């Protein structure tokens, strides 16, 4: 049981690390257009993201895929930027008009990219054969899922307060938050090591 908590906590810390806030930033961007009444959909999106993240780690641990760290570090803020821009242009529009399959596929793909960003570190903390890393990987994934649900819950609470107490419209909240995220993420892209050749 103690080993479970070790990897579960690594998963928690991976998401909630204040110095590596890209994961939280993506979750905020993903959650922007939703409210508590959309909890099933947002929970499903978060789980799809976790599945993508875990799939990337699996592929990396078993040596099926390897990607240059500089490319992944560049792609992660791009996924955040794309999500924020999407919500900037769809702010206030009914979610029913969105293609659910497309949103879930894109979220899965973005989860794979984020997972690849952690894969090198994850391989170094696990010893033994690839197959012996399977259980710790699942324990780690549970930690990630728990942390992501916590972040989404906090974002939904803040969204509720802003929209009810401060009388922001849902559209204005989405516009302000999307613009804020874009402002944070553009310097991350500009400062990416991929440009240093």
N, C-alpha and C. Protein backbone atom coordinates (compact mmCIF):
# COMPACT_ATOMS: atom_id res chain seq x y z
N UNK A 1 0.82 -1.21 0.00
CA UNK A 1 0.00 0.00 0.00
C UNK A 1 0.86 1.26 0.00
N UNK A 2 2.01 1.21 0.69
CA UNK A 2 2.88 2.39 0.74
C UNK A 2 3.42 2.73 -0.64
N UNK A 3 3.69 1.67 -1.46
CA UNK A 3 4.18 1.91 -2.82
C UNK A 3 3.10 2.60 -3.67
N UNK A 4 1.84 2.19 -3.44
CA UNK A 4 0.73 2.84 -4.14
C UNK A 4 0.74 4.34 -3.87
N UNK A 5 0.89 4.72 -2.59
CA UNK A 5 0.87 6.14 -2.22
C UNK A 5 2.05 6.89 -2.80
N UNK A 6 3.18 6.22 -2.94
CA UNK A 6 4.36 6.88 -3.52
C UNK A 6 4.05 7.35 -4.94
N UNK A 7 3.57 6.42 -5.78
CA UNK A 7 3.31 6.77 -7.17
C UNK A 7 2.06 7.64 -7.33
N UNK A 8 1.08 7.43 -6.46
CA UNK A 8 -0.13 8.26 -6.45
C UNK A 8 0.26 9.71 -6.15
N UNK A 9 1.13 9.90 -5.16
CA UNK A 9 1.58 11.25 -4.79
C UNK A 9 2.44 11.88 -5.89
N UNK A 10 3.24 11.06 -6.57
CA UNK A 10 4.04 11.59 -7.70
C UNK A 10 3.08 12.12 -8.77
N UNK A 11 1.98 11.38 -9.01
CA UNK A 11 0.96 11.83 -9.96
C UNK A 11 0.31 13.14 -9.53
N UNK A 12 -0.03 13.22 -8.24
CA UNK A 12 -0.62 14.46 -7.68
C UNK A 12 0.33 15.63 -7.88
N UNK A 13 1.59 15.41 -7.47
CA UNK A 13 2.58 16.49 -7.53
C UNK A 13 2.91 16.89 -8.96
N UNK A 14 2.85 15.93 -9.87
CA UNK A 14 3.11 16.23 -11.29
C UNK A 14 2.13 17.28 -11.80
N UNK A 15 0.87 17.16 -11.43
CA UNK A 15 -0.15 18.11 -11.88
C UNK A 15 -0.10 19.41 -11.07
N UNK A 16 0.07 19.29 -9.75
CA UNK A 16 -0.05 20.45 -8.86
C UNK A 16 1.26 21.19 -8.61
N UNK A 17 2.33 20.80 -9.29
CA UNK A 17 3.63 21.46 -9.13
C UNK A 17 3.54 22.91 -9.59
N UNK A 18 3.78 23.85 -8.67
CA UNK A 18 3.67 25.28 -8.97
C UNK A 18 4.70 25.74 -9.98
N UNK A 19 5.84 25.03 -10.06
CA UNK A 19 6.90 25.41 -10.99
C UNK A 19 6.67 24.87 -12.41
N UNK A 20 5.81 23.87 -12.51
CA UNK A 20 5.47 23.31 -13.83
C UNK A 20 3.97 23.44 -14.01
N UNK A 21 3.52 24.68 -14.17
CA UNK A 21 2.09 24.98 -14.16
C UNK A 21 1.40 24.75 -15.50
N UNK A 22 2.13 24.21 -16.49
CA UNK A 22 1.53 24.01 -17.81
C UNK A 22 0.34 23.05 -17.76
N UNK A 23 0.42 22.04 -16.90
CA UNK A 23 -0.66 21.06 -16.78
C UNK A 23 -1.92 21.74 -16.24
N UNK A 24 -1.75 22.54 -15.18
CA UNK A 24 -2.87 23.26 -14.58
C UNK A 24 -3.45 24.26 -15.60
N UNK A 25 -2.57 24.92 -16.32
CA UNK A 25 -2.99 25.90 -17.33
C UNK A 25 -3.86 25.24 -18.40
N UNK A 26 -3.45 24.03 -18.83
CA UNK A 26 -4.26 23.32 -19.82
C UNK A 26 -5.63 22.97 -19.24
N UNK A 27 -5.66 22.51 -18.00
CA UNK A 27 -6.93 22.14 -17.36
C UNK A 27 -7.85 23.35 -17.23
N UNK A 28 -7.27 24.50 -16.88
CA UNK A 28 -8.06 25.73 -16.79
C UNK A 28 -8.64 26.07 -18.17
N UNK A 29 -7.79 25.99 -19.21
CA UNK A 29 -8.24 26.27 -20.58
C UNK A 29 -9.35 25.31 -21.00
N UNK A 30 -9.22 24.06 -20.60
CA UNK A 30 -10.22 23.03 -20.95
C UNK A 30 -11.55 23.28 -20.25
N UNK A 31 -11.49 23.78 -19.02
CA UNK A 31 -12.68 23.93 -18.17
C UNK A 31 -13.44 25.23 -18.39
N UNK A 32 -12.80 26.22 -18.99
CA UNK A 32 -13.37 27.58 -19.12
C UNK A 32 -14.86 27.62 -19.50
N UNK A 33 -15.31 26.92 -20.54
CA UNK A 33 -16.70 27.12 -20.97
C UNK A 33 -17.75 26.34 -20.15
N UNK A 34 -17.29 25.58 -19.16
CA UNK A 34 -18.22 24.69 -18.45
C UNK A 34 -18.63 25.22 -17.08
N UNK A 35 -19.77 24.73 -16.61
CA UNK A 35 -20.25 25.03 -15.26
C UNK A 35 -20.53 23.70 -14.56
N UNK A 36 -20.97 23.77 -13.30
CA UNK A 36 -21.21 22.54 -12.53
C UNK A 36 -22.23 21.62 -13.20
N UNK A 37 -23.19 22.21 -13.91
CA UNK A 37 -24.20 21.35 -14.56
C UNK A 37 -23.61 20.49 -15.68
N UNK A 38 -22.41 20.87 -16.15
CA UNK A 38 -21.72 20.10 -17.20
C UNK A 38 -20.73 19.11 -16.61
N UNK A 39 -20.88 18.75 -15.33
CA UNK A 39 -19.85 17.97 -14.63
C UNK A 39 -19.56 16.63 -15.30
N UNK A 40 -20.57 15.99 -15.88
CA UNK A 40 -20.33 14.68 -16.52
C UNK A 40 -19.40 14.84 -17.73
N UNK A 41 -19.68 15.86 -18.52
CA UNK A 41 -18.87 16.08 -19.72
C UNK A 41 -17.44 16.45 -19.36
N UNK A 42 -17.27 17.36 -18.42
CA UNK A 42 -15.92 17.80 -18.06
C UNK A 42 -15.13 16.66 -17.39
N UNK A 43 -15.81 15.84 -16.59
CA UNK A 43 -15.16 14.68 -15.97
C UNK A 43 -14.70 13.70 -17.04
N UNK A 44 -15.53 13.51 -18.05
CA UNK A 44 -15.17 12.62 -19.16
C UNK A 44 -13.97 13.18 -19.94
N UNK A 45 -13.97 14.49 -20.18
CA UNK A 45 -12.84 15.12 -20.88
C UNK A 45 -11.55 14.96 -20.09
N UNK A 46 -11.63 15.17 -18.78
CA UNK A 46 -10.45 15.03 -17.92
C UNK A 46 -9.93 13.60 -17.94
N UNK A 47 -10.85 12.64 -17.90
CA UNK A 47 -10.46 11.23 -17.93
C UNK A 47 -9.83 10.86 -19.28
N UNK A 48 -10.40 11.39 -20.36
CA UNK A 48 -9.83 11.16 -21.69
C UNK A 48 -8.40 11.72 -21.75
N UNK A 49 -8.21 12.89 -21.16
CA UNK A 49 -6.88 13.50 -21.11
C UNK A 49 -5.91 12.60 -20.32
N UNK A 50 -6.37 12.06 -19.19
CA UNK A 50 -5.55 11.14 -18.39
C UNK A 50 -5.20 9.89 -19.17
N UNK A 51 -6.17 9.36 -19.91
CA UNK A 51 -5.93 8.17 -20.74
C UNK A 51 -4.84 8.46 -21.77
N UNK A 52 -4.92 9.62 -22.41
CA UNK A 52 -3.89 10.01 -23.39
C UNK A 52 -2.53 10.15 -22.74
N UNK A 53 -2.50 10.77 -21.59
CA UNK A 53 -1.26 10.97 -20.81
C UNK A 53 -0.64 9.62 -20.47
N UNK A 54 -1.48 8.70 -19.97
CA UNK A 54 -1.01 7.37 -19.56
C UNK A 54 -0.57 6.55 -20.77
N UNK A 55 -1.29 6.67 -21.87
CA UNK A 55 -0.95 5.96 -23.11
C UNK A 55 0.44 6.38 -23.59
N UNK A 56 0.72 7.69 -23.52
CA UNK A 56 2.04 8.19 -23.93
C UNK A 56 3.14 7.60 -23.04
N UNK A 57 2.89 7.53 -21.73
CA UNK A 57 3.88 6.96 -20.82
C UNK A 57 4.09 5.47 -21.11
N UNK A 58 2.99 4.76 -21.39
CA UNK A 58 3.09 3.33 -21.73
C UNK A 58 3.94 3.13 -22.98
N UNK A 59 3.65 3.90 -24.02
CA UNK A 59 4.39 3.79 -25.28
C UNK A 59 5.86 4.11 -25.08
N UNK A 60 6.14 5.06 -24.20
CA UNK A 60 7.51 5.45 -23.93
C UNK A 60 8.24 4.40 -23.10
N UNK A 61 7.58 3.90 -22.04
CA UNK A 61 8.18 2.88 -21.15
C UNK A 61 8.53 1.62 -21.93
N UNK A 62 7.66 1.24 -22.86
CA UNK A 62 7.90 0.03 -23.65
C UNK A 62 8.75 0.29 -24.90
N UNK A 63 9.26 1.49 -25.02
CA UNK A 63 10.18 1.84 -26.10
C UNK A 63 9.54 1.91 -27.47
N UNK A 64 8.21 2.04 -27.54
CA UNK A 64 7.50 2.08 -28.81
C UNK A 64 7.64 3.46 -29.46
N UNK A 65 7.70 4.49 -28.61
CA UNK A 65 7.81 5.85 -29.14
C UNK A 65 8.82 6.66 -28.32
N UNK A 66 9.62 7.42 -29.02
CA UNK A 66 10.52 8.37 -28.37
C UNK A 66 10.48 9.68 -29.16
N UNK A 67 10.34 10.76 -28.43
CA UNK A 67 10.24 12.08 -29.06
C UNK A 67 11.24 13.00 -28.37
N UNK A 68 11.88 13.85 -29.15
CA UNK A 68 12.84 14.79 -28.57
C UNK A 68 12.15 15.68 -27.54
N UNK A 69 12.81 15.85 -26.39
CA UNK A 69 12.24 16.63 -25.29
C UNK A 69 11.94 18.06 -25.72
N UNK A 70 12.82 18.66 -26.53
CA UNK A 70 12.62 20.05 -26.95
C UNK A 70 11.35 20.20 -27.79
N UNK A 71 11.03 19.19 -28.62
CA UNK A 71 9.82 19.23 -29.44
C UNK A 71 8.58 19.15 -28.56
N UNK A 72 8.62 18.24 -27.57
CA UNK A 72 7.47 18.08 -26.67
C UNK A 72 7.27 19.34 -25.84
N UNK A 73 8.37 19.92 -25.34
CA UNK A 73 8.28 21.14 -24.54
C UNK A 73 7.73 22.31 -25.36
N UNK A 74 7.89 22.24 -26.66
CA UNK A 74 7.32 23.25 -27.55
C UNK A 74 5.83 22.95 -27.81
N UNK A 75 5.49 21.68 -27.99
CA UNK A 75 4.11 21.30 -28.32
C UNK A 75 3.15 21.48 -27.15
N UNK A 76 3.62 21.30 -25.92
CA UNK A 76 2.73 21.42 -24.75
C UNK A 76 2.08 22.81 -24.68
N UNK A 77 2.86 23.92 -24.73
CA UNK A 77 2.18 25.22 -24.72
C UNK A 77 1.32 25.47 -25.96
N UNK A 78 1.67 24.82 -27.08
CA UNK A 78 0.84 24.94 -28.28
C UNK A 78 -0.55 24.35 -28.02
N UNK A 79 -0.61 23.21 -27.31
CA UNK A 79 -1.92 22.59 -27.00
C UNK A 79 -2.75 23.52 -26.12
N UNK A 80 -2.09 24.20 -25.19
CA UNK A 80 -2.78 25.14 -24.30
C UNK A 80 -3.29 26.32 -25.12
N UNK A 81 -2.44 26.84 -26.01
CA UNK A 81 -2.80 27.98 -26.86
C UNK A 81 -3.99 27.63 -27.76
N UNK A 82 -3.96 26.48 -28.40
CA UNK A 82 -5.04 26.06 -29.30
C UNK A 82 -6.35 25.96 -28.53
N UNK A 83 -6.30 25.37 -27.33
CA UNK A 83 -7.51 25.22 -26.50
C UNK A 83 -8.07 26.58 -26.12
N UNK A 84 -7.19 27.50 -25.68
CA UNK A 84 -7.62 28.83 -25.26
C UNK A 84 -8.19 29.62 -26.45
N UNK A 85 -7.53 29.54 -27.60
CA UNK A 85 -8.02 30.25 -28.80
C UNK A 85 -9.38 29.69 -29.23
N UNK A 86 -9.54 28.38 -29.16
CA UNK A 86 -10.82 27.75 -29.50
C UNK A 86 -11.93 28.32 -28.62
N UNK A 87 -11.67 28.41 -27.31
CA UNK A 87 -12.70 28.92 -26.39
C UNK A 87 -12.89 30.43 -26.52
N UNK A 88 -11.85 31.12 -26.99
CA UNK A 88 -11.97 32.57 -27.23
C UNK A 88 -12.97 32.82 -28.36
N UNK A 89 -12.89 32.00 -29.41
CA UNK A 89 -13.77 32.20 -30.56
C UNK A 89 -15.13 31.54 -30.42
N UNK A 90 -15.28 30.63 -29.44
CA UNK A 90 -16.58 29.98 -29.25
C UNK A 90 -17.26 30.45 -27.98
N UNK A 91 -16.71 31.48 -27.32
CA UNK A 91 -17.26 31.99 -26.06
C UNK A 91 -18.72 32.41 -26.24
N UNK A 92 -19.56 31.91 -25.36
CA UNK A 92 -20.97 32.28 -25.38
C UNK A 92 -21.82 31.47 -26.35
N UNK A 93 -21.18 30.67 -27.18
CA UNK A 93 -21.95 29.84 -28.12
C UNK A 93 -22.34 28.54 -27.43
N UNK A 94 -23.46 27.98 -27.84
CA UNK A 94 -23.96 26.75 -27.22
C UNK A 94 -23.01 25.59 -27.47
N UNK A 95 -22.72 24.86 -26.41
CA UNK A 95 -21.81 23.71 -26.51
C UNK A 95 -22.38 22.60 -27.39
N UNK A 96 -23.69 22.61 -27.59
CA UNK A 96 -24.33 21.57 -28.39
C UNK A 96 -23.87 21.61 -29.85
N UNK A 97 -23.40 22.78 -30.30
CA UNK A 97 -22.96 22.93 -31.68
C UNK A 97 -21.59 22.29 -31.93
N UNK A 98 -20.86 22.01 -30.85
CA UNK A 98 -19.53 21.43 -30.99
C UNK A 98 -19.63 19.95 -31.36
N UNK A 99 -18.68 19.50 -32.12
CA UNK A 99 -18.60 18.07 -32.41
C UNK A 99 -17.95 17.38 -31.21
N UNK A 100 -18.74 16.62 -30.47
CA UNK A 100 -18.26 15.97 -29.25
C UNK A 100 -17.09 15.04 -29.56
N UNK A 101 -17.22 14.28 -30.65
CA UNK A 101 -16.15 13.34 -31.01
C UNK A 101 -14.84 14.06 -31.28
N UNK A 102 -14.90 15.21 -31.96
CA UNK A 102 -13.71 15.98 -32.27
C UNK A 102 -13.06 16.50 -30.99
N UNK A 103 -13.87 17.04 -30.09
CA UNK A 103 -13.35 17.58 -28.81
C UNK A 103 -12.64 16.48 -28.02
N UNK A 104 -13.26 15.30 -27.95
CA UNK A 104 -12.66 14.19 -27.19
C UNK A 104 -11.39 13.68 -27.86
N UNK A 105 -11.39 13.61 -29.18
CA UNK A 105 -10.21 13.15 -29.90
C UNK A 105 -9.05 14.12 -29.69
N UNK A 106 -9.33 15.41 -29.81
CA UNK A 106 -8.30 16.44 -29.62
C UNK A 106 -7.76 16.39 -28.19
N UNK A 107 -8.66 16.22 -27.21
CA UNK A 107 -8.24 16.14 -25.80
C UNK A 107 -7.35 14.92 -25.57
N UNK A 108 -7.70 13.79 -26.18
CA UNK A 108 -6.88 12.57 -26.09
C UNK A 108 -5.50 12.82 -26.67
N UNK A 109 -5.45 13.44 -27.85
CA UNK A 109 -4.19 13.75 -28.52
C UNK A 109 -3.33 14.68 -27.67
N UNK A 110 -3.97 15.71 -27.10
CA UNK A 110 -3.24 16.65 -26.24
C UNK A 110 -2.73 15.95 -24.98
N UNK A 111 -3.50 14.99 -24.47
CA UNK A 111 -3.06 14.19 -23.32
C UNK A 111 -1.80 13.39 -23.65
N UNK A 112 -1.75 12.84 -24.87
CA UNK A 112 -0.57 12.10 -25.33
C UNK A 112 0.65 13.02 -25.36
N UNK A 113 0.48 14.23 -25.89
CA UNK A 113 1.60 15.19 -25.94
C UNK A 113 2.09 15.54 -24.54
N UNK A 114 1.16 15.81 -23.62
CA UNK A 114 1.55 16.14 -22.25
C UNK A 114 2.24 14.95 -21.56
N UNK A 115 1.76 13.75 -21.85
CA UNK A 115 2.37 12.54 -21.28
C UNK A 115 3.80 12.35 -21.76
N UNK A 116 4.04 12.64 -23.03
CA UNK A 116 5.40 12.52 -23.59
C UNK A 116 6.35 13.49 -22.89
N UNK A 117 5.82 14.62 -22.44
CA UNK A 117 6.65 15.60 -21.74
C UNK A 117 7.17 15.09 -20.41
N UNK A 118 6.46 14.13 -19.82
CA UNK A 118 6.86 13.59 -18.52
C UNK A 118 7.54 12.23 -18.64
N UNK A 119 7.54 11.66 -19.84
CA UNK A 119 7.97 10.27 -20.02
C UNK A 119 9.44 10.02 -19.65
N UNK A 120 10.33 10.94 -20.01
CA UNK A 120 11.75 10.72 -19.70
C UNK A 120 11.99 10.68 -18.20
N UNK A 121 11.37 11.62 -17.48
CA UNK A 121 11.51 11.63 -16.01
C UNK A 121 10.91 10.38 -15.41
N UNK A 122 9.74 9.99 -15.91
CA UNK A 122 9.04 8.82 -15.36
C UNK A 122 9.89 7.56 -15.52
N UNK A 123 10.56 7.43 -16.67
CA UNK A 123 11.41 6.25 -16.90
C UNK A 123 12.60 6.22 -15.92
N UNK A 124 13.09 7.39 -15.54
CA UNK A 124 14.26 7.43 -14.64
C UNK A 124 13.89 7.08 -13.19
N UNK A 125 12.63 7.34 -12.78
CA UNK A 125 12.27 7.04 -11.39
C UNK A 125 11.84 5.59 -11.20
N UNK A 126 11.64 4.88 -12.31
CA UNK A 126 11.23 3.48 -12.22
C UNK A 126 12.36 2.56 -12.65
N UNK A 127 12.69 1.63 -11.81
CA UNK A 127 13.68 0.63 -12.18
C UNK A 127 13.00 -0.63 -12.69
N UNK A 128 13.79 -1.62 -13.04
CA UNK A 128 13.24 -2.92 -13.44
C UNK A 128 12.82 -2.97 -14.90
N UNK A 129 12.12 -4.05 -15.22
CA UNK A 129 11.69 -4.27 -16.61
C UNK A 129 10.48 -3.41 -16.94
N UNK A 130 10.20 -3.30 -18.21
CA UNK A 130 9.06 -2.50 -18.66
C UNK A 130 7.75 -3.01 -18.07
N UNK A 131 7.58 -4.36 -18.02
CA UNK A 131 6.33 -4.92 -17.50
C UNK A 131 6.14 -4.65 -16.01
N UNK A 132 7.24 -4.53 -15.25
CA UNK A 132 7.12 -4.25 -13.81
C UNK A 132 6.74 -2.79 -13.56
N UNK A 133 6.78 -1.98 -14.60
CA UNK A 133 6.43 -0.56 -14.46
C UNK A 133 4.93 -0.31 -14.68
N UNK A 134 4.21 -1.36 -15.07
CA UNK A 134 2.80 -1.20 -15.41
C UNK A 134 1.94 -0.78 -14.22
N UNK A 135 2.08 -1.47 -13.09
CA UNK A 135 1.28 -1.15 -11.90
C UNK A 135 1.62 0.25 -11.37
N UNK A 136 2.93 0.59 -11.21
CA UNK A 136 3.24 1.96 -10.79
C UNK A 136 2.69 3.01 -11.75
N UNK A 137 2.67 2.69 -13.03
CA UNK A 137 2.14 3.62 -14.03
C UNK A 137 0.65 3.88 -13.80
N UNK A 138 -0.10 2.82 -13.50
CA UNK A 138 -1.53 2.97 -13.22
C UNK A 138 -1.76 3.73 -11.92
N UNK A 139 -0.91 3.48 -10.90
CA UNK A 139 -1.02 4.22 -9.64
C UNK A 139 -0.74 5.70 -9.86
N UNK A 140 0.26 5.98 -10.69
CA UNK A 140 0.60 7.35 -11.07
C UNK A 140 -0.58 8.01 -11.80
N UNK A 141 -1.22 7.26 -12.71
CA UNK A 141 -2.36 7.77 -13.47
C UNK A 141 -3.52 8.13 -12.56
N UNK A 142 -3.74 7.33 -11.51
CA UNK A 142 -4.80 7.64 -10.54
C UNK A 142 -4.50 8.94 -9.81
N UNK A 143 -3.23 9.16 -9.48
CA UNK A 143 -2.82 10.41 -8.84
C UNK A 143 -3.06 11.59 -9.74
N UNK A 144 -2.75 11.42 -11.02
CA UNK A 144 -2.98 12.48 -12.01
C UNK A 144 -4.47 12.79 -12.11
N UNK A 145 -5.27 11.74 -12.21
CA UNK A 145 -6.73 11.93 -12.35
C UNK A 145 -7.29 12.67 -11.13
N UNK A 146 -6.87 12.27 -9.93
CA UNK A 146 -7.36 12.91 -8.70
C UNK A 146 -6.97 14.39 -8.67
N UNK A 147 -5.73 14.70 -9.03
CA UNK A 147 -5.27 16.09 -9.04
C UNK A 147 -6.02 16.91 -10.08
N UNK A 148 -6.27 16.31 -11.25
CA UNK A 148 -6.98 17.02 -12.31
C UNK A 148 -8.41 17.32 -11.90
N UNK A 149 -9.07 16.37 -11.26
CA UNK A 149 -10.45 16.59 -10.79
C UNK A 149 -10.46 17.72 -9.75
N UNK A 150 -9.45 17.76 -8.90
CA UNK A 150 -9.34 18.82 -7.90
C UNK A 150 -9.18 20.19 -8.57
N UNK A 151 -8.30 20.28 -9.56
CA UNK A 151 -8.08 21.54 -10.28
C UNK A 151 -9.37 21.99 -10.97
N UNK A 152 -10.03 21.06 -11.65
CA UNK A 152 -11.27 21.38 -12.36
C UNK A 152 -12.34 21.86 -11.37
N UNK A 153 -12.43 21.21 -10.22
CA UNK A 153 -13.40 21.61 -9.19
C UNK A 153 -13.14 23.04 -8.74
N UNK A 154 -11.88 23.38 -8.49
CA UNK A 154 -11.50 24.73 -8.06
C UNK A 154 -11.86 25.75 -9.14
N UNK A 155 -11.57 25.43 -10.40
CA UNK A 155 -11.89 26.34 -11.52
C UNK A 155 -13.40 26.54 -11.61
N UNK A 156 -14.17 25.46 -11.44
CA UNK A 156 -15.63 25.57 -11.50
C UNK A 156 -16.18 26.41 -10.36
N UNK A 157 -15.58 26.29 -9.17
CA UNK A 157 -16.00 27.10 -8.01
C UNK A 157 -15.72 28.58 -8.29
N UNK A 158 -14.51 28.88 -8.78
CA UNK A 158 -14.14 30.27 -9.10
C UNK A 158 -15.08 30.81 -10.19
N UNK A 159 -15.35 30.00 -11.20
CA UNK A 159 -16.26 30.39 -12.27
C UNK A 159 -17.64 30.71 -11.72
N UNK A 160 -18.12 29.87 -10.82
CA UNK A 160 -19.45 30.07 -10.20
C UNK A 160 -19.48 31.38 -9.43
N UNK A 161 -18.43 31.64 -8.63
CA UNK A 161 -18.37 32.88 -7.84
C UNK A 161 -18.33 34.11 -8.74
N UNK A 162 -17.48 34.04 -9.76
CA UNK A 162 -17.34 35.18 -10.69
C UNK A 162 -18.66 35.46 -11.41
N UNK A 163 -19.36 34.40 -11.81
CA UNK A 163 -20.59 34.59 -12.58
C UNK A 163 -21.81 34.91 -11.73
N UNK A 164 -21.82 34.51 -10.46
CA UNK A 164 -22.99 34.79 -9.61
C UNK A 164 -22.77 36.01 -8.71
N UNK A 165 -21.63 36.09 -8.03
CA UNK A 165 -21.36 37.20 -7.11
C UNK A 165 -20.98 38.47 -7.88
N UNK A 166 -20.06 38.32 -8.85
CA UNK A 166 -19.57 39.49 -9.59
C UNK A 166 -20.33 39.75 -10.89
N UNK A 167 -21.35 38.93 -11.16
CA UNK A 167 -22.25 39.13 -12.30
C UNK A 167 -21.56 39.14 -13.67
N UNK A 168 -20.46 38.39 -13.79
CA UNK A 168 -19.85 38.19 -15.11
C UNK A 168 -20.77 37.28 -15.91
N UNK A 169 -20.91 37.54 -17.20
CA UNK A 169 -21.64 36.58 -18.02
C UNK A 169 -20.70 35.41 -18.33
N UNK A 170 -21.29 34.30 -18.71
CA UNK A 170 -20.49 33.12 -19.06
C UNK A 170 -19.54 33.44 -20.21
N UNK A 171 -20.04 34.23 -21.16
CA UNK A 171 -19.24 34.63 -22.32
C UNK A 171 -18.05 35.49 -21.90
N UNK A 172 -18.30 36.48 -21.03
CA UNK A 172 -17.22 37.38 -20.58
C UNK A 172 -16.16 36.60 -19.80
N UNK A 173 -16.60 35.67 -18.97
CA UNK A 173 -15.67 34.82 -18.21
C UNK A 173 -14.78 34.04 -19.18
N UNK A 174 -15.38 33.44 -20.19
CA UNK A 174 -14.62 32.65 -21.18
C UNK A 174 -13.64 33.55 -21.95
N UNK A 175 -14.08 34.74 -22.32
CA UNK A 175 -13.21 35.67 -23.06
C UNK A 175 -12.02 36.12 -22.22
N UNK A 176 -12.29 36.53 -20.99
CA UNK A 176 -11.22 37.02 -20.09
C UNK A 176 -10.22 35.92 -19.78
N UNK A 177 -10.71 34.74 -19.43
CA UNK A 177 -9.81 33.65 -19.07
C UNK A 177 -9.01 33.14 -20.27
N UNK A 178 -9.66 33.05 -21.42
CA UNK A 178 -8.96 32.62 -22.63
C UNK A 178 -7.84 33.60 -22.98
N UNK A 179 -8.16 34.90 -22.91
CA UNK A 179 -7.16 35.94 -23.21
C UNK A 179 -6.01 35.88 -22.21
N UNK A 180 -6.34 35.66 -20.94
CA UNK A 180 -5.30 35.55 -19.90
C UNK A 180 -4.37 34.38 -20.19
N UNK A 181 -4.95 33.22 -20.49
CA UNK A 181 -4.14 32.02 -20.78
C UNK A 181 -3.27 32.22 -22.01
N UNK A 182 -3.83 32.85 -23.04
CA UNK A 182 -3.04 33.13 -24.26
C UNK A 182 -1.86 34.03 -23.90
N UNK A 183 -2.11 35.03 -23.05
CA UNK A 183 -1.04 35.94 -22.62
C UNK A 183 0.05 35.24 -21.83
N UNK A 184 -0.31 34.24 -21.06
CA UNK A 184 0.68 33.48 -20.27
C UNK A 184 1.46 32.52 -21.15
N UNK A 185 0.78 31.91 -22.13
CA UNK A 185 1.37 30.82 -22.90
C UNK A 185 2.26 31.29 -24.07
N UNK A 186 1.98 32.45 -24.63
CA UNK A 186 2.79 32.93 -25.76
C UNK A 186 4.26 33.07 -25.37
N UNK A 187 4.59 33.68 -24.21
CA UNK A 187 6.02 33.72 -23.82
C UNK A 187 6.64 32.33 -23.66
N UNK A 188 5.85 31.34 -23.22
CA UNK A 188 6.37 29.97 -23.09
C UNK A 188 6.77 29.43 -24.46
N UNK A 189 5.98 29.75 -25.48
CA UNK A 189 6.27 29.30 -26.84
C UNK A 189 7.49 30.03 -27.39
N UNK A 190 7.52 31.34 -27.17
CA UNK A 190 8.63 32.18 -27.67
C UNK A 190 9.96 31.76 -27.04
N UNK A 191 9.93 31.41 -25.73
CA UNK A 191 11.14 31.05 -25.01
C UNK A 191 11.49 29.56 -25.12
N UNK A 192 10.75 28.82 -25.91
CA UNK A 192 10.98 27.38 -26.06
C UNK A 192 12.39 27.10 -26.60
N UNK A 193 13.07 26.05 -26.05
CA UNK A 193 14.39 25.68 -26.53
C UNK A 193 14.45 25.23 -27.99
N UNK A 194 13.28 24.96 -28.57
CA UNK A 194 13.25 24.49 -29.97
C UNK A 194 13.81 25.55 -30.93
N UNK A 195 13.73 26.83 -30.56
CA UNK A 195 14.23 27.90 -31.42
C UNK A 195 15.74 28.03 -31.39
N UNK A 196 16.37 27.44 -30.35
CA UNK A 196 17.84 27.52 -30.22
C UNK A 196 18.53 26.47 -31.07
N UNK A 197 18.88 26.81 -32.24
CA UNK A 197 19.53 25.83 -33.13
C UNK A 197 20.92 26.30 -33.49
